[in-house]
Amino acid sequence: MTRKEDDGILKEFEEELEEDIYSEKRREKMLEDDEISGEEEAFMQGYEES
């Protein structure tokens, strides 16, 4: 792997860390990747709306 590829992966990882875990986009990705259940997604959606 080249330095440029390493930098690209690092940048992508940093952007993912900066993304709010409670954001709709992040919740959908986590649900899609089976990182959270439907119930957890609904709870986080309620948190966002309050």
PDB file of N, CA and C in Angstrom:
ATOM      1  N   MET A   1       0.852  -1.176   0.000  1.00  0.00           N
ATOM      2  CA  MET A   1       0.000   0.000   0.000  1.00  0.00           C
ATOM      3  C   MET A   1       0.897   1.238   0.000  1.00  0.00           C
ATOM      4  N   THR A   2       0.535   2.185  -0.815  1.00  0.00           N
ATOM      5  CA  THR A   2       1.342   3.398  -0.926  1.00  0.00           C
ATOM      6  C   THR A   2       0.955   4.406   0.148  1.00  0.00           C
ATOM      7  N   ARG A   3       1.789   5.383   0.305  1.00  0.00           N
ATOM      8  CA  ARG A   3       1.536   6.459   1.270  1.00  0.00           C
ATOM      9  C   ARG A   3       0.236   7.196   0.926  1.00  0.00           C
ATOM     10  N   LYS A   4       0.014   7.413  -0.368  1.00  0.00           N
ATOM     11  CA  LYS A   4      -1.194   8.112  -0.814  1.00  0.00           C
ATOM     12  C   LYS A   4      -2.444   7.308  -0.449  1.00  0.00           C
ATOM     13  N   GLU A   5      -2.383   5.996  -0.631  1.00  0.00           N
ATOM     14  CA  GLU A   5      -3.515   5.138  -0.264  1.00  0.00           C
ATOM     15  C   GLU A   5      -3.744   5.167   1.240  1.00  0.00           C
ATOM     16  N   ASP A   6      -2.646   5.120   2.012  1.00  0.00           N
ATOM     17  CA  ASP A   6      -2.751   5.210   3.469  1.00  0.00           C
ATOM     18  C   ASP A   6      -3.424   6.511   3.889  1.00  0.00           C
ATOM     19  N   ASP A   7      -3.022   7.613   3.269  1.00  0.00           N
ATOM     20  CA  ASP A   7      -3.601   8.917   3.593  1.00  0.00           C
ATOM     21  C   ASP A   7      -5.091   8.955   3.274  1.00  0.00           C
ATOM     22  N   GLY A   8      -5.480   8.334   2.169  1.00  0.00           N
ATOM     23  CA  GLY A   8      -6.889   8.293   1.786  1.00  0.00           C
ATOM     24  C   GLY A   8      -7.723   7.510   2.782  1.00  0.00           C
ATOM     25  N   ILE A   9      -7.196   6.383   3.222  1.00  0.00           N
ATOM     26  CA  ILE A   9      -7.899   5.565   4.210  1.00  0.00           C
ATOM     27  C   ILE A   9      -7.997   6.313   5.529  1.00  0.00           C
ATOM     28  N   LEU A  10      -6.922   6.963   5.940  1.00  0.00           N
ATOM     29  CA  LEU A  10      -6.919   7.727   7.181  1.00  0.00           C
ATOM     30  C   LEU A  10      -7.933   8.862   7.125  1.00  0.00           C
ATOM     31  N   LYS A  11      -7.985   9.568   6.014  1.00  0.00           N
ATOM     32  CA  LYS A  11      -8.936  10.672   5.871  1.00  0.00           C
ATOM     33  C   LYS A  11     -10.371  10.159   5.965  1.00  0.00           C
ATOM     34  N   GLU A  12     -10.648   9.045   5.299  1.00  0.00           N
ATOM     35  CA  GLU A  12     -11.992   8.458   5.341  1.00  0.00           C
ATOM     36  C   GLU A  12     -12.356   8.062   6.772  1.00  0.00           C
ATOM     37  N   PHE A  13     -11.412   7.477   7.489  1.00  0.00           N
ATOM     38  CA  PHE A  13     -11.641   7.074   8.875  1.00  0.00           C
ATOM     39  C   PHE A  13     -11.903   8.289   9.757  1.00  0.00           C
ATOM     40  N   GLU A  14     -11.116   9.346   9.584  1.00  0.00           N
ATOM     41  CA  GLU A  14     -11.299  10.560  10.378  1.00  0.00           C
ATOM     42  C   GLU A  14     -12.664  11.188  10.120  1.00  0.00           C
ATOM     43  N   GLU A  15     -13.096  11.201   8.867  1.00  0.00           N
ATOM     44  CA  GLU A  15     -14.412  11.756   8.538  1.00  0.00           C
ATOM     45  C   GLU A  15     -15.512  10.948   9.197  1.00  0.00           C
ATOM     46  N   GLU A  16     -15.337   9.638   9.237  1.00  0.00           N
ATOM     47  CA  GLU A  16     -16.335   8.780   9.870  1.00  0.00           C
ATOM     48  C   GLU A  16     -16.397   9.046  11.369  1.00  0.00           C
ATOM     49  N   LEU A  17     -15.242   9.275  11.993  1.00  0.00           N
ATOM     50  CA  LEU A  17     -15.221   9.565  13.421  1.00  0.00           C
ATOM     51  C   LEU A  17     -15.885  10.898  13.739  1.00  0.00           C
ATOM     52  N   GLU A  18     -15.736  11.869  12.844  1.00  0.00           N
ATOM     53  CA  GLU A  18     -16.315  13.185  13.060  1.00  0.00           C
ATOM     54  C   GLU A  18     -17.834  13.173  12.934  1.00  0.00           C
ATOM     55  N   GLU A  19     -18.360  12.200  12.212  1.00  0.00           N
ATOM     56  CA  GLU A  19     -19.793  12.129  11.980  1.00  0.00           C
ATOM     57  C   GLU A  19     -20.499  11.771  13.290  1.00  0.00           C
ATOM     58  N   ASP A  20     -21.540  12.501  13.604  1.00  0.00           N
ATOM     59  CA  ASP A  20     -22.297  12.273  14.822  1.00  0.00           C
ATOM     60  C   ASP A  20     -22.957  10.904  14.784  1.00  0.00           C
ATOM     61  N   ILE A  21     -22.753  10.116  15.820  1.00  0.00           N
ATOM     62  CA  ILE A  21     -23.324   8.775  15.873  1.00  0.00           C
ATOM     63  C   ILE A  21     -24.848   8.813  15.851  1.00  0.00           C
ATOM     64  N   TYR A  22     -25.428   9.927  16.263  1.00  0.00           N
ATOM     65  CA  TYR A  22     -26.882  10.035  16.294  1.00  0.00           C
ATOM     66  C   TYR A  22     -27.463  10.622  15.009  1.00  0.00           C
ATOM     67  N   SER A  23     -26.624  10.952  14.041  1.00  0.00           N
ATOM     68  CA  SER A  23     -27.141  11.518  12.799  1.00  0.00           C
ATOM     69  C   SER A  23     -27.907  10.448  12.019  1.00  0.00           C
ATOM     70  N   GLU A  24     -28.865  10.894  11.229  1.00  0.00           N
ATOM     71  CA  GLU A  24     -29.686   9.957  10.461  1.00  0.00           C
ATOM     72  C   GLU A  24     -28.829   9.110   9.526  1.00  0.00           C
ATOM     73  N   LYS A  25     -27.870   9.748   8.874  1.00  0.00           N
ATOM     74  CA  LYS A  25     -26.996   9.036   7.933  1.00  0.00           C
ATOM     75  C   LYS A  25     -26.212   7.933   8.650  1.00  0.00           C
ATOM     76  N   ARG A  26     -25.654   8.262   9.799  1.00  0.00           N
ATOM     77  CA  ARG A  26     -24.860   7.285  10.555  1.00  0.00           C
ATOM     78  C   ARG A  26     -25.746   6.157  11.077  1.00  0.00           C
ATOM     79  N   ARG A  27     -26.941   6.500  11.578  1.00  0.00           N
ATOM     80  CA  ARG A  27     -27.861   5.466  12.076  1.00  0.00           C
ATOM     81  C   ARG A  27     -28.220   4.487  10.972  1.00  0.00           C
ATOM     82  N   GLU A  28     -28.528   5.011   9.793  1.00  0.00           N
ATOM     83  CA  GLU A  28     -28.903   4.148   8.671  1.00  0.00           C
ATOM     84  C   GLU A  28     -27.762   3.212   8.289  1.00  0.00           C
ATOM     85  N   LYS A  29     -26.540   3.733   8.275  1.00  0.00           N
ATOM     86  CA  LYS A  29     -25.385   2.896   7.936  1.00  0.00           C
ATOM     87  C   LYS A  29     -25.173   1.817   8.992  1.00  0.00           C
ATOM     88  N   MET A  30     -25.289   2.189  10.256  1.00  0.00           N
ATOM     89  CA  MET A  30     -25.110   1.219  11.330  1.00  0.00           C
ATOM     90  C   MET A  30     -26.193   0.141  11.278  1.00  0.00           C
ATOM     91  N   LEU A  31     -27.424   0.533  10.988  1.00  0.00           N
ATOM     92  CA  LEU A  31     -28.521  -0.421  10.878  1.00  0.00           C
ATOM     93  C   LEU A  31     -28.280  -1.355   9.694  1.00  0.00           C
ATOM     94  N   GLU A  32     -27.864  -0.793   8.589  1.00  0.00           N
ATOM     95  CA  GLU A  32     -27.582  -1.572   7.379  1.00  0.00           C
ATOM     96  C   GLU A  32     -26.457  -2.582   7.612  1.00  0.00           C
ATOM     97  N   ASP A  33     -25.450  -2.184   8.386  1.00  0.00           N
ATOM     98  CA  ASP A  33     -24.296  -3.049   8.657  1.00  0.00           C
ATOM     99  C   ASP A  33     -24.517  -3.963   9.865  1.00  0.00           C
ATOM    100  N   ASP A  34     -25.755  -3.982  10.382  1.00  0.00           N
ATOM    101  CA  ASP A  34     -26.114  -4.795  11.555  1.00  0.00           C
ATOM    102  C   ASP A  34     -25.290  -4.446  12.787  1.00  0.00           C
ATOM    103  N   GLU A  35     -24.895  -3.187  12.904  1.00  0.00           N
ATOM    104  CA  GLU A  35     -24.173  -2.737  14.089  1.00  0.00           C
ATOM    105  C   GLU A  35     -25.149  -2.345  15.195  1.00  0.00           C
ATOM    106  N   ILE A  36     -26.390  -2.023  14.811  1.00  0.00           N
ATOM    107  CA  ILE A  36     -27.438  -1.716  15.780  1.00  0.00           C
ATOM    108  C   ILE A  36     -28.723  -2.402  15.330  1.00  0.00           C
ATOM    109  N   SER A  37     -29.635  -2.593  16.287  1.00  0.00           N
ATOM    110  CA  SER A  37     -30.926  -3.204  15.967  1.00  0.00           C
ATOM    111  C   SER A  37     -31.922  -2.121  15.564  1.00  0.00           C
ATOM    112  N   GLY A  38     -33.047  -2.545  15.045  1.00  0.00           N
ATOM    113  CA  GLY A  38     -34.106  -1.614  14.689  1.00  0.00           C
ATOM    114  C   GLY A  38     -34.590  -0.829  15.897  1.00  0.00           C
ATOM    115  N   GLU A  39     -34.628  -1.489  17.055  1.00  0.00           N
ATOM    116  CA  GLU A  39     -35.060  -0.819  18.283  1.00  0.00           C
ATOM    117  C   GLU A  39     -34.071   0.275  18.689  1.00  0.00           C
ATOM    118  N   GLU A  40     -32.785  -0.022  18.563  1.00  0.00           N
ATOM    119  CA  GLU A  40     -31.769   0.979  18.896  1.00  0.00           C
ATOM    120  C   GLU A  40     -31.848   2.165  17.940  1.00  0.00           C
ATOM    121  N   GLU A  41     -32.088   1.889  16.670  1.00  0.00           N
ATOM    122  CA  GLU A  41     -32.210   2.959  15.682  1.00  0.00           C
ATOM    123  C   GLU A  41     -33.395   3.847  16.021  1.00  0.00           C
ATOM    124  N   ALA A  42     -34.520   3.242  16.411  1.00  0.00           N
ATOM    125  CA  ALA A  42     -35.709   4.010  16.780  1.00  0.00           C
ATOM    126  C   ALA A  42     -35.441   4.860  18.019  1.00  0.00           C
ATOM    127  N   PHE A  43     -34.723   4.315  18.990  1.00  0.00           N
ATOM    128  CA  PHE A  43     -34.377   5.061  20.194  1.00  0.00           C
ATOM    129  C   PHE A  43     -33.525   6.274  19.842  1.00  0.00           C
ATOM    130  N   MET A  44     -32.525   6.071  18.989  1.00  0.00           N
ATOM    131  CA  MET A  44     -31.640   7.169  18.612  1.00  0.00           C
ATOM    132  C   MET A  44     -32.385   8.210  17.790  1.00  0.00           C
ATOM    133  N   GLN A  45     -33.349   7.780  16.980  1.00  0.00           N
ATOM    134  CA  GLN A  45     -34.160   8.726  16.214  1.00  0.00           C
ATOM    135  C   GLN A  45     -34.979   9.585  17.172  1.00  0.00           C
ATOM    136  N   GLY A  46     -35.544   8.976  18.205  1.00  0.00           N
ATOM    137  CA  GLY A  46     -36.285   9.724  19.214  1.00  0.00           C
ATOM    138  C   GLY A  46     -35.391  10.722  19.931  1.00  0.00           C
ATOM    139  N   TYR A  47     -34.161  10.321  20.202  1.00  0.00           N
ATOM    140  CA  TYR A  47     -33.192  11.211  20.843  1.00  0.00           C
ATOM    141  C   TYR A  47     -32.946  12.434  19.971  1.00  0.00           C
ATOM    142  N   GLU A  48     -32.779  12.192  18.671  1.00  0.00           N
ATOM    143  CA  GLU A  48     -32.499  13.284  17.740  1.00  0.00           C
ATOM    144  C   GLU A  48     -33.674  14.260  17.657  1.00  0.00           C
ATOM    145  N   GLU A  49     -34.890  13.742  17.720  1.00  0.00           N
ATOM    146  CA  GLU A  49     -36.076  14.576  17.567  1.00  0.00           C
ATOM    147  C   GLU A  49     -36.431  15.348  18.833  1.00  0.00           C
ATOM    148  N   SER A  50     -35.857  14.972  19.970  1.00  0.00           N
ATOM    149  CA  SER A  50     -36.194  15.667  21.224  1.00  0.00           C
ATOM    150  C   SER A  50     -35.390  16.926  21.425  1.00  0.00           C
TER     151      SER A  50
END
